[in-house]
Amino acid sequence: MSKTVDTTPNDKNIAPEAMTIKNFRSNGDIENFYRYIHDNGLRREAFMMMEYAISKVAKLKKGKRSKTLQ
């Protein structure tokens, strides 16, 4: 028996370099990540991690911007 391969375009099989904001949440890996967080009751922890990551990125951007202005 040979396996058939689905060659139809599918949003879940988008290459990371072709990913945009519009199709980010429909990526299979991201959907699985959201499902894992929901199933295990990790919303609070995920929110805390996202706040931490966003604050670090914001500090880097702020520091980079102030260096270029001087």
Protein backbone atom coordinates (compact mmCIF):
# COMPACT_ATOMS: atom_id res chain seq x y z
CA MET A 1 0.00 0.00 0.00
CA SER A 2 1.30 3.42 -0.85
CA LYS A 3 0.44 6.52 1.10
CA THR A 4 -1.17 9.43 -0.69
CA VAL A 5 0.32 12.86 -0.19
CA ASP A 6 -1.97 15.87 0.01
CA THR A 7 -0.56 18.52 -2.33
CA THR A 8 -3.36 21.04 -1.93
CA PRO A 9 -2.32 24.36 -0.41
CA ASN A 10 -3.02 24.49 3.29
CA ASP A 11 -2.53 27.38 5.73
CA LYS A 12 -1.18 24.98 8.37
CA ASN A 13 1.85 24.11 6.21
CA ILE A 14 3.17 27.64 5.71
CA ALA A 15 6.92 28.07 5.79
CA PRO A 16 8.11 30.35 8.64
CA GLU A 17 9.65 32.84 6.23
CA ALA A 18 6.29 33.20 4.44
CA MET A 19 4.36 33.73 7.68
CA THR A 20 2.52 37.01 8.12
CA ILE A 21 0.43 38.47 10.90
CA LYS A 22 -2.74 37.32 9.14
CA ASN A 23 -1.78 33.64 9.01
CA PHE A 24 0.26 33.46 12.23
CA ARG A 25 -2.53 32.06 14.38
CA SER A 26 -3.57 29.52 11.77
CA ASN A 27 -0.11 27.92 11.80
CA GLY A 28 -0.33 24.35 13.13
CA ASP A 29 2.44 24.80 15.69
CA ILE A 30 0.84 27.93 17.11
CA GLU A 31 -2.58 26.28 17.29
CA ASN A 32 -1.07 23.36 19.19
CA PHE A 33 0.68 25.76 21.55
CA TYR A 34 -2.58 27.60 22.27
CA ARG A 35 -4.38 24.28 22.79
CA TYR A 36 -1.67 23.09 25.21
CA ILE A 37 -1.94 26.28 27.26
CA HIS A 38 -5.74 26.05 27.36
CA ASP A 39 -5.88 22.33 28.19
CA ASN A 40 -3.39 22.62 31.04
CA GLY A 41 -4.73 25.83 32.58
CA LEU A 42 -1.56 27.81 31.94
CA ARG A 43 -3.11 31.10 30.84
CA ARG A 44 -1.76 33.06 33.82
CA GLU A 45 1.77 31.70 33.38
CA ALA A 46 1.70 32.27 29.62
CA PHE A 47 0.55 35.85 30.16
CA MET A 48 3.37 36.46 32.65
CA MET A 49 5.93 35.06 30.19
CA MET A 50 4.60 37.21 27.35
CA GLU A 51 4.71 40.35 29.54
CA TYR A 52 8.32 39.57 30.46
CA ALA A 53 9.35 38.98 26.85
CA ILE A 54 7.58 42.11 25.61
CA SER A 55 9.20 44.24 28.33
CA LYS A 56 12.67 42.95 27.38
CA VAL A 57 12.09 43.67 23.70
CA ALA A 58 10.69 47.12 24.49
CA LYS A 59 13.78 47.95 26.60
CA LEU A 60 16.08 46.85 23.77
CA LYS A 61 14.17 48.93 21.24
CA LYS A 62 14.15 51.95 23.55
CA GLY A 63 17.89 51.65 24.19
CA LYS A 64 18.63 51.21 20.50
CA ARG A 65 16.53 54.24 19.59
CA SER A 66 18.20 56.53 22.14
CA LYS A 67 21.67 55.53 20.90
CA THR A 68 20.85 56.46 17.32
CA LEU A 69 19.46 59.87 18.27
CA GLN A 70 22.63 61.07 19.98
